[in-house]
Amino acid sequence: ISGDDTLFVGCEDGSISEYELLPVGLLKSYINTRAYAKAYRLIQEYPLLEEHALSAELEQEWENRLSNALKMIEDTHSSDALLLLDDFAAVPSKKKILMDVKSFIQKFPSFNSAVLNHNYTLAYSMAEHTQLLKRSSSYARMEAHWDSCFHKAQTYAITNQKQKLMQLLEPFGRVSSKLCYIQVLLHQPQLFLEFTHHVNAHDYENLSSITHSYPCLKEIKSYKEMLHTANDLYDKARTHIFRDALDLAELELEQLSHIPSMRLQAEELTHIFTLAKELQSLYDQGDTFSCYLLIDKNEILQELPLARRLEKDWNDKMKSAEKEALIGNIKTIKSLLGTLLRLPTRSQKVGTLLRLGFLTQIKYLIIKNQKSTIQDAIDTYIYIFGYDTELHNLILKISKEKVTKINLDEEQMHHRPRSRWLNVTDGKLPNTILQKVTRNA
């Protein structure tokens, strides 16, 4: 499979067939020719295309056109705006928004007039009913004016200038989305002072109770900036955990534990931190067996640098062991893996190498014409691994070439789980297939 999701298949006649797993070329053609309805339909038929860069490019084209169209409508070029969006008219997912654009055309003059005349009650109400109005420059100006007034109103509240406060906020007095802010400043100035103090002090516990009663305060810029700091603290703690800087992570997690809004994230991160510390402790003690067990049972640890180093060591051992298996050298495989031979979470991978090694030994017996030992070797193999496809094919070959007669009962020919060998031997394997196997009770 190539990087552009093309499957290349080698055929028996030496030729190579090419298959496109995802119709990326067709999608690109549709986008280039502005056949957007076909492009969206193709993405719907092949959901994996949603992850492709072309899908993002298509959606960005729509967003750019919509933004430009709204600006054109504001400049009284409505016909040109609709023409700009016409290429998307047949796209089912865009039909509602296109209807909203037509509503925007009808409502914008009245909305703009309301903003210019400071009739904010009407303007905000219209924006709630026609959401696209919130993307207009008029709405942005109105919000900027509110921000300016609210910032000045905070000063009036702190200095107890209630008359000026009321006059300043009067134009927004009946705007439902602003009532909460106004009520706090007018009727709970002391509470607002406490809120400001807690924000400056990063007192998350007290802020939690205040914002529970007055949720609108969560939208205040200083509060959002404080939360951004909390999120930044979380990001730093996570980064330090996955860079093995556990001492720094521990300090940051302690701070996070005092932030109610971050409690779930802190608990999740603390769990990962605890596992990371356990892994480091096991590694420092030289207990790599338990290290691999912990990693295999907790996939999140695979991202840790220590886990990556351990995985590299494992892969290096397995590559070396595979070379030994090809020549039937079980003794060296046991030496290479040591105690890791008995890892229950990786018994199938190890078992595959051991099967290969012991089958190679049986093949050597055939080559050396040691016919009298082949039946015993196969019996031992079946005891350790059970009857499997690899052994079945070898027995067929022995029978076809009339090397010797192999007698197996029904029980021996029963297939067993691939991890059986570890349960049967507890990792105490013979070096050769003809040696006696230590049998578990």
Protein backbone atom coordinates (compact mmCIF):
# COMPACT_ATOMS: atom_id res chain seq x y z
CA ILE A 1 0.00 0.00 0.00
CA SER A 2 1.45 3.34 -1.03
CA GLY A 3 1.22 6.63 0.82
CA ASP A 4 -1.68 7.77 -1.38
CA ASP A 5 -3.82 4.74 -0.42
CA THR A 6 -3.10 2.79 -3.58
CA LEU A 7 -2.88 -1.02 -3.29
CA PHE A 8 -0.30 -2.71 -5.53
CA VAL A 9 -0.78 -6.45 -6.06
CA GLY A 10 1.86 -8.70 -7.60
CA CYS A 11 0.31 -11.26 -9.93
CA GLU A 12 1.56 -14.77 -10.82
CA ASP A 13 2.40 -13.70 -14.37
CA GLY A 14 4.78 -11.07 -13.02
CA SER A 15 2.49 -8.13 -13.70
CA ILE A 16 1.42 -5.60 -11.07
CA SER A 17 -2.19 -4.54 -10.62
CA GLU A 18 -3.05 -1.21 -9.06
CA TYR A 19 -6.18 -0.58 -6.97
CA GLU A 20 -7.24 2.73 -5.42
CA LEU A 21 -8.54 1.98 -1.93
CA LEU A 22 -10.04 5.47 -1.61
CA PRO A 23 -11.21 7.48 -4.64
CA VAL A 24 -8.94 10.42 -3.81
CA GLY A 25 -8.32 11.23 -7.46
CA LEU A 26 -12.05 11.40 -8.16
CA LEU A 27 -12.63 13.66 -5.15
CA LYS A 28 -9.86 15.98 -6.32
CA SER A 29 -11.42 16.09 -9.78
CA TYR A 30 -14.84 17.02 -8.36
CA ILE A 31 -13.32 19.83 -6.26
CA ASN A 32 -11.27 21.20 -9.14
CA THR A 33 -14.33 21.26 -11.41
CA ARG A 34 -16.53 22.73 -8.63
CA ALA A 35 -18.83 19.69 -8.67
CA TYR A 36 -19.29 20.11 -4.94
CA ALA A 37 -22.52 18.11 -4.60
CA LYS A 38 -20.76 15.09 -6.12
CA ALA A 39 -17.75 15.67 -3.85
CA TYR A 40 -19.88 15.65 -0.69
CA ARG A 41 -21.79 12.58 -1.91
CA LEU A 42 -18.49 10.76 -2.52
CA ILE A 43 -17.29 11.59 1.00
CA GLN A 44 -20.56 10.24 2.38
CA GLU A 45 -20.04 6.98 0.45
CA TYR A 46 -16.42 6.68 1.62
CA PRO A 47 -16.36 7.95 5.27
CA LEU A 48 -12.57 7.52 5.48
CA LEU A 49 -12.27 10.40 3.01
CA GLU A 50 -13.38 12.72 5.84
CA GLU A 51 -9.87 12.34 7.28
CA HIS A 52 -8.21 13.29 3.99
CA ALA A 53 -6.79 16.78 3.48
CA LEU A 54 -9.05 17.26 0.45
CA SER A 55 -12.14 17.11 2.67
CA ALA A 56 -10.75 19.89 4.84
CA GLU A 57 -9.94 21.84 1.67
CA LEU A 58 -13.52 21.41 0.46
CA GLU A 59 -15.00 22.59 3.77
CA GLN A 60 -12.61 25.56 3.85
CA GLU A 61 -13.78 26.55 0.37
CA TRP A 62 -17.37 26.58 1.65
CA GLU A 63 -16.45 28.64 4.73
CA ASN A 64 -14.53 31.16 2.63
CA ARG A 65 -17.42 31.55 0.22
CA LEU A 66 -19.96 31.92 3.01
CA SER A 67 -17.86 34.59 4.77
CA ASN A 68 -17.34 36.50 1.52
CA ALA A 69 -21.02 36.22 0.64
CA LEU A 70 -22.09 37.71 3.99
CA LYS A 71 -19.71 40.64 3.47
CA MET A 72 -21.14 41.17 -0.03
CA ILE A 73 -24.67 41.23 1.41
CA GLU A 74 -23.61 43.86 3.93
CA ASP A 75 -22.32 45.88 0.98
CA THR A 76 -25.75 45.47 -0.74
CA HIS A 77 -24.48 43.02 -3.37
CA SER A 78 -26.96 40.27 -2.52
CA SER A 79 -27.30 38.88 -6.07
CA ASP A 80 -23.54 38.41 -6.36
CA ALA A 81 -23.51 36.76 -2.93
CA LEU A 82 -26.11 34.18 -3.92
CA LEU A 83 -24.24 33.52 -7.17
CA LEU A 84 -21.06 32.91 -5.18
CA LEU A 85 -22.82 30.23 -3.11
CA ASP A 86 -24.69 28.68 -6.04
CA ASP A 87 -22.10 25.92 -6.55
CA PHE A 88 -23.17 24.51 -3.16
CA ALA A 89 -26.93 24.79 -3.81
CA ALA A 90 -27.29 21.04 -4.50
CA VAL A 91 -25.37 19.96 -1.38
CA PRO A 92 -27.99 18.60 1.10
CA SER A 93 -25.97 19.55 4.22
CA LYS A 94 -25.77 23.20 3.09
CA LYS A 95 -29.41 23.77 2.16
CA LYS A 96 -30.51 25.01 5.60
CA ILE A 97 -27.60 27.45 5.80
CA LEU A 98 -28.40 28.71 2.29
CA MET A 99 -31.97 29.35 3.46
CA ASP A 100 -30.50 31.23 6.44
CA VAL A 101 -28.46 33.34 4.00
CA LYS A 102 -31.69 34.41 2.29
CA SER A 103 -33.10 35.27 5.72
CA PHE A 104 -29.89 37.24 6.39
CA ILE A 105 -30.50 39.24 3.21
CA GLN A 106 -34.01 40.14 4.38
CA LYS A 107 -33.13 40.88 8.00
CA PHE A 108 -29.74 42.59 7.78
CA PRO A 109 -30.95 46.14 6.87
CA SER A 110 -33.30 46.21 9.88
CA PHE A 111 -30.68 44.61 12.10
CA ASN A 112 -28.01 47.10 11.05
CA SER A 113 -30.42 49.98 11.63
CA ALA A 114 -31.18 48.69 15.14
CA VAL A 115 -27.46 48.53 15.95
CA LEU A 116 -26.80 52.03 14.60
CA ASN A 117 -29.71 53.39 16.65
CA HIS A 118 -28.59 51.55 19.81
CA ASN A 119 -31.77 49.49 19.85
CA TYR A 120 -29.83 46.58 21.26
CA THR A 121 -32.87 44.73 22.60
CA LEU A 122 -34.20 44.34 19.06
CA ALA A 123 -30.76 43.69 17.55
CA TYR A 124 -29.84 40.87 19.95
CA SER A 125 -33.30 39.34 19.58
CA MET A 126 -32.96 39.31 15.78
CA ALA A 127 -29.49 37.75 16.05
CA GLU A 128 -30.88 34.93 18.20
CA HIS A 129 -33.49 34.13 15.55
CA THR A 130 -31.11 34.51 12.59
CA GLN A 131 -27.79 33.18 13.81
CA LEU A 132 -25.86 34.29 10.71
CA LEU A 133 -26.35 37.89 11.85
CA LYS A 134 -23.79 37.11 14.58
CA ARG A 135 -21.19 36.82 11.81
CA SER A 136 -21.82 40.36 10.58
CA SER A 137 -19.56 43.34 11.21
CA SER A 138 -22.54 45.14 12.80
CA TYR A 139 -22.86 42.42 15.44
CA ALA A 140 -19.09 42.60 16.09
CA ARG A 141 -19.37 46.38 16.65
CA MET A 142 -22.29 45.88 19.00
CA GLU A 143 -20.39 43.30 21.05
CA ALA A 144 -17.31 45.54 21.13
CA HIS A 145 -19.51 48.36 22.49
CA TRP A 146 -20.92 46.02 25.14
CA ASP A 147 -17.41 44.92 26.16
CA SER A 148 -16.35 48.54 26.51
CA CYS A 149 -19.44 49.44 28.55
CA PHE A 150 -19.14 46.37 30.76
CA HIS A 151 -15.46 47.06 31.45
CA LYS A 152 -16.27 50.65 32.46
CA ALA A 153 -19.27 49.45 34.49
CA GLN A 154 -17.00 47.25 36.57
CA THR A 155 -15.07 50.36 37.62
CA TYR A 156 -18.34 52.10 38.55
CA ALA A 157 -19.40 49.08 40.60
CA ILE A 158 -16.09 48.96 42.46
CA THR A 159 -16.22 52.74 43.17
CA ASN A 160 -19.91 52.58 44.13
CA GLN A 161 -21.08 54.99 41.36
CA LYS A 162 -24.47 53.33 40.91
CA GLN A 163 -26.12 56.19 38.97
CA LYS A 164 -23.43 56.22 36.29
CA LEU A 165 -23.54 52.42 36.22
CA MET A 166 -27.28 52.41 35.49
CA GLN A 167 -26.98 55.07 32.77
CA LEU A 168 -24.11 53.24 31.10
CA LEU A 169 -25.85 49.85 30.95
CA GLU A 170 -29.37 51.18 30.26
CA PRO A 171 -29.24 50.43 26.47
CA PHE A 172 -28.59 46.75 27.34
CA GLY A 173 -31.11 46.63 30.18
CA ARG A 174 -33.64 44.44 28.38
CA VAL A 175 -31.17 42.22 26.47
CA SER A 176 -31.79 38.76 27.93
CA SER A 177 -28.23 37.55 27.35
CA LYS A 178 -26.83 40.51 29.35
CA LEU A 179 -29.30 40.58 32.27
CA CYS A 180 -27.23 38.31 34.47
CA TYR A 181 -24.18 40.60 34.21
CA ILE A 182 -26.23 43.71 34.85
CA GLN A 183 -28.02 42.21 37.86
CA VAL A 184 -24.72 41.24 39.47
CA LEU A 185 -23.22 44.70 38.97
CA LEU A 186 -26.35 46.59 40.08
CA HIS A 187 -27.63 44.39 42.88
CA GLN A 188 -24.62 42.33 43.96
CA PRO A 189 -21.62 44.69 43.65
CA GLN A 190 -19.96 43.13 46.69
CA LEU A 191 -20.34 39.69 45.16
CA PHE A 192 -18.72 40.96 41.98
CA LEU A 193 -15.83 42.40 44.00
CA GLU A 194 -15.38 38.99 45.64
CA PHE A 195 -15.52 37.33 42.22
CA THR A 196 -12.80 39.68 40.91
CA HIS A 197 -10.67 39.03 43.98
CA HIS A 198 -11.01 35.25 43.62
CA VAL A 199 -10.10 35.44 39.93
CA ASN A 200 -6.96 37.42 40.70
CA ALA A 201 -6.07 34.97 43.49
CA HIS A 202 -6.94 31.91 41.33
CA ASP A 203 -9.24 30.78 44.15
CA TYR A 204 -11.07 28.07 42.20
CA GLU A 205 -13.04 26.71 45.17
CA ASN A 206 -14.84 30.00 45.95
CA LEU A 207 -15.25 30.84 42.27
CA SER A 208 -17.05 27.56 41.73
CA SER A 209 -19.85 28.47 44.13
CA ILE A 210 -20.23 32.00 42.68
CA THR A 211 -20.34 30.90 39.05
CA HIS A 212 -22.81 28.16 39.98
CA SER A 213 -25.27 30.90 41.05
CA TYR A 214 -24.30 33.30 38.25
CA PRO A 215 -23.16 31.20 35.23
CA CYS A 216 -22.79 34.30 33.04
CA LEU A 217 -19.68 35.28 35.01
CA LYS A 218 -17.88 32.40 33.32
CA GLU A 219 -17.95 34.47 30.13
CA ILE A 220 -15.95 37.34 31.62
CA LYS A 221 -12.57 37.71 29.98
CA SER A 222 -10.51 37.58 33.20
CA TYR A 223 -12.28 34.37 34.25
CA LYS A 224 -11.68 32.78 30.84
CA GLU A 225 -8.02 33.76 31.00
CA MET A 226 -7.77 32.16 34.42
CA LEU A 227 -9.33 28.95 33.05
CA HIS A 228 -6.88 29.10 30.18
CA THR A 229 -4.15 29.10 32.82
CA ALA A 230 -5.76 26.01 34.39
CA ASN A 231 -5.89 24.28 31.00
CA ASP A 232 -2.29 25.29 30.45
CA LEU A 233 -1.42 23.72 33.81
CA TYR A 234 -3.11 20.50 32.72
CA ASP A 235 -1.22 20.51 29.42
CA LYS A 236 2.09 21.09 31.19
CA ALA A 237 1.43 18.27 33.66
CA ARG A 238 0.55 15.88 30.85
CA THR A 239 3.60 16.93 28.83
CA HIS A 240 5.90 16.42 31.81
CA ILE A 241 4.44 12.96 32.50
CA PHE A 242 5.06 11.87 28.93
CA ARG A 243 8.58 13.31 29.00
CA ASP A 244 9.46 11.40 32.18
CA ALA A 245 9.69 14.69 34.14
CA LEU A 246 7.60 13.20 36.95
CA ASP A 247 8.78 15.57 39.70
CA LEU A 248 7.47 18.61 37.79
CA ALA A 249 4.25 16.78 36.89
CA GLU A 250 3.62 15.98 40.55
CA LEU A 251 3.76 19.68 41.52
CA GLU A 252 1.38 20.63 38.71
CA LEU A 253 -1.07 17.85 39.58
CA GLU A 254 -1.17 19.05 43.17
CA GLN A 255 -2.25 22.50 41.92
CA LEU A 256 -4.82 20.98 39.56
CA SER A 257 -6.42 19.02 42.41
CA HIS A 258 -7.69 22.33 43.88
CA ILE A 259 -9.55 23.36 40.70
CA PRO A 260 -13.15 22.01 40.79
CA SER A 261 -13.69 22.48 37.05
CA MET A 262 -10.60 20.36 36.34
CA ARG A 263 -11.34 17.60 38.83
CA LEU A 264 -12.13 14.85 36.31
CA GLN A 265 -9.14 15.74 34.11
CA ALA A 266 -6.90 15.85 37.19
CA GLU A 267 -8.10 12.42 38.34
CA GLU A 268 -7.47 10.95 34.89
CA LEU A 269 -3.99 12.48 34.74
CA THR A 270 -3.18 11.43 38.31
CA HIS A 271 -4.00 7.83 37.37
CA ILE A 272 -1.56 7.98 34.46
CA PHE A 273 1.03 9.66 36.70
CA THR A 274 0.69 6.88 39.30
CA LEU A 275 1.18 4.22 36.59
CA ALA A 276 4.19 6.10 35.20
CA LYS A 277 5.78 6.26 38.66
CA GLU A 278 5.14 2.54 39.16
CA LEU A 279 6.75 1.76 35.81
CA GLN A 280 9.82 3.86 36.65
CA SER A 281 10.10 2.18 40.06
CA LEU A 282 9.92 -1.32 38.55
CA TYR A 283 12.53 -0.37 35.96
CA ASP A 284 14.86 1.06 38.62
CA GLN A 285 14.56 -2.25 40.49
CA GLY A 286 15.51 -4.13 37.32
CA ASP A 287 12.11 -5.87 37.18
CA THR A 288 11.59 -5.68 33.40
CA PHE A 289 9.15 -8.62 33.54
CA SER A 290 6.71 -6.55 35.62
CA CYS A 291 7.45 -3.49 33.44
CA TYR A 292 6.15 -5.26 30.33
CA LEU A 293 3.14 -6.62 32.23
CA LEU A 294 2.22 -3.11 33.37
CA ILE A 295 2.65 -1.64 29.86
CA ASP A 296 0.61 -4.40 28.23
CA LYS A 297 -2.24 -3.96 30.70
CA ASN A 298 -2.24 -0.13 30.40
CA GLU A 299 -1.94 0.97 26.76
CA ILE A 300 -1.65 4.65 27.71
CA LEU A 301 1.86 3.92 29.04
CA GLN A 302 3.06 3.05 25.54
CA GLU A 303 3.50 6.79 24.89
CA LEU A 304 6.10 7.14 27.65
CA PRO A 305 9.77 7.42 26.62
CA LEU A 306 10.68 4.62 29.06
CA ALA A 307 8.01 2.36 27.54
CA ARG A 308 9.32 3.13 24.06
CA ARG A 309 12.86 2.18 25.13
CA LEU A 310 11.59 -1.05 26.63
CA GLU A 311 9.62 -1.80 23.47
CA LYS A 312 12.72 -1.21 21.35
CA ASP A 313 14.68 -3.62 23.56
CA TRP A 314 11.88 -6.17 23.17
CA ASN A 315 11.80 -5.83 19.39
CA ASP A 316 15.58 -6.20 19.20
CA LYS A 317 15.38 -9.39 21.28
CA MET A 318 12.56 -10.76 19.11
CA LYS A 319 14.48 -10.07 15.88
CA SER A 320 17.49 -11.91 17.23
CA ALA A 321 15.27 -14.74 18.51
CA GLU A 322 13.61 -15.06 15.10
CA LYS A 323 16.98 -15.68 13.45
CA GLU A 324 17.69 -18.42 16.01
CA ALA A 325 14.24 -19.96 15.48
CA LEU A 326 14.96 -20.34 11.76
CA ILE A 327 17.88 -22.63 12.63
CA GLY A 328 16.09 -24.37 15.50
CA ASN A 329 18.25 -22.90 18.25
CA ILE A 330 15.80 -22.96 21.18
CA LYS A 331 18.57 -22.75 23.79
CA THR A 332 19.72 -19.35 22.48
CA ILE A 333 16.11 -18.10 22.28
CA LYS A 334 15.66 -18.95 25.96
CA SER A 335 18.91 -17.18 26.77
CA LEU A 336 17.96 -14.07 24.74
CA LEU A 337 14.53 -13.66 26.37
CA GLY A 338 15.42 -14.83 29.86
CA THR A 339 12.50 -14.33 32.26
CA LEU A 340 10.58 -12.53 29.52
CA LEU A 341 9.99 -15.94 27.92
CA ARG A 342 7.21 -16.42 30.48
CA LEU A 343 5.39 -13.12 29.83
CA PRO A 344 1.70 -14.12 29.72
CA THR A 345 0.70 -10.97 27.82
CA ARG A 346 3.14 -11.82 24.99
CA SER A 347 2.94 -15.62 25.08
CA GLN A 348 1.43 -15.87 21.61
CA LYS A 349 4.27 -13.89 19.99
CA VAL A 350 6.91 -15.90 21.83
CA GLY A 351 5.02 -19.12 21.14
CA THR A 352 5.13 -18.42 17.40
CA LEU A 353 8.94 -18.29 17.52
CA LEU A 354 9.16 -21.42 19.64
CA ARG A 355 6.87 -23.31 17.25
CA LEU A 356 9.09 -22.28 14.37
CA GLY A 357 12.22 -23.39 16.26
CA PHE A 358 10.87 -26.80 17.27
CA LEU A 359 9.39 -27.46 13.80
CA THR A 360 12.80 -26.67 12.34
CA GLN A 361 14.29 -29.29 14.67
CA ILE A 362 11.75 -31.88 13.46
CA LYS A 363 12.66 -31.03 9.87
CA TYR A 364 16.34 -31.62 10.74
CA LEU A 365 15.37 -35.10 12.02
CA ILE A 366 13.72 -35.82 8.67
CA ILE A 367 16.74 -34.54 6.74
CA LYS A 368 19.09 -36.69 8.89
CA ASN A 369 16.77 -39.67 8.25
CA GLN A 370 16.26 -40.25 11.99
CA LYS A 371 12.87 -41.85 11.34
CA SER A 372 12.59 -43.60 14.71
CA THR A 373 12.62 -40.27 16.56
CA ILE A 374 10.08 -38.37 14.47
CA GLN A 375 6.97 -39.83 16.15
CA ASP A 376 8.30 -38.94 19.64
CA ALA A 377 9.27 -35.45 18.45
CA ILE A 378 5.78 -34.83 17.07
CA ASP A 379 4.15 -36.17 20.26
CA THR A 380 6.26 -33.75 22.32
CA TYR A 381 5.40 -30.87 20.00
CA ILE A 382 1.69 -31.63 20.32
CA TYR A 383 1.96 -31.83 24.10
CA ILE A 384 3.56 -28.38 24.22
CA PHE A 385 1.68 -26.53 21.48
CA GLY A 386 -1.24 -28.71 20.46
CA TYR A 387 -2.08 -29.67 16.91
CA ASP A 388 -1.77 -26.67 14.57
CA THR A 389 -1.72 -25.77 10.88
CA GLU A 390 2.07 -25.71 10.71
CA LEU A 391 2.38 -29.24 12.11
CA HIS A 392 -0.51 -30.49 9.97
CA ASN A 393 1.27 -29.34 6.80
CA LEU A 394 4.51 -30.99 7.92
CA ILE A 395 2.74 -34.31 8.64
CA LEU A 396 1.09 -34.18 5.21
CA LYS A 397 4.53 -33.75 3.65
CA ILE A 398 5.95 -36.65 5.70
CA SER A 399 3.05 -38.84 4.58
CA LYS A 400 3.32 -37.76 0.93
CA GLU A 401 7.06 -38.46 0.81
CA LYS A 402 6.57 -41.68 2.81
CA VAL A 403 9.24 -40.72 5.31
CA THR A 404 7.58 -42.64 8.16
CA LYS A 405 4.11 -43.41 9.47
CA ILE A 406 2.73 -40.94 12.04
CA ASN A 407 0.03 -42.22 14.40
CA LEU A 408 -2.08 -39.65 16.23
CA ASP A 409 -5.22 -40.21 18.27
CA GLU A 410 -8.28 -37.94 18.18
CA GLU A 411 -7.25 -36.08 21.32
CA GLN A 412 -3.85 -35.19 19.87
CA MET A 413 -5.41 -33.76 16.71
CA HIS A 414 -7.57 -31.35 18.70
CA HIS A 415 -6.56 -27.70 18.15
CA ARG A 416 -5.52 -25.77 21.27
CA PRO A 417 -5.20 -22.06 22.09
CA ARG A 418 -1.98 -20.46 20.83
CA SER A 419 -0.96 -19.53 24.36
CA ARG A 420 -1.27 -23.16 25.56
CA TRP A 421 2.48 -23.77 25.63
CA LEU A 422 3.04 -21.42 28.59
CA ASN A 423 0.28 -23.00 30.69
CA VAL A 424 1.64 -26.48 29.96
CA THR A 425 5.34 -25.81 30.57
CA ASP A 426 5.39 -22.66 32.74
CA GLY A 427 8.26 -21.61 30.45
CA LYS A 428 10.42 -24.62 31.36
CA LEU A 429 11.12 -25.74 27.81
CA PRO A 430 13.63 -28.34 26.64
CA ASN A 431 16.44 -27.20 24.36
CA THR A 432 15.59 -29.88 21.81
CA ILE A 433 12.35 -31.56 20.79
CA LEU A 434 13.71 -34.95 21.86
CA GLN A 435 14.50 -33.93 25.43
CA LYS A 436 12.09 -34.71 28.25
CA VAL A 437 9.53 -31.99 28.95
CA THR A 438 8.96 -30.87 32.57
CA ARG A 439 5.23 -31.34 32.91
CA ASN A 440 3.07 -29.18 35.15
CA ALA A 441 0.98 -30.96 37.70
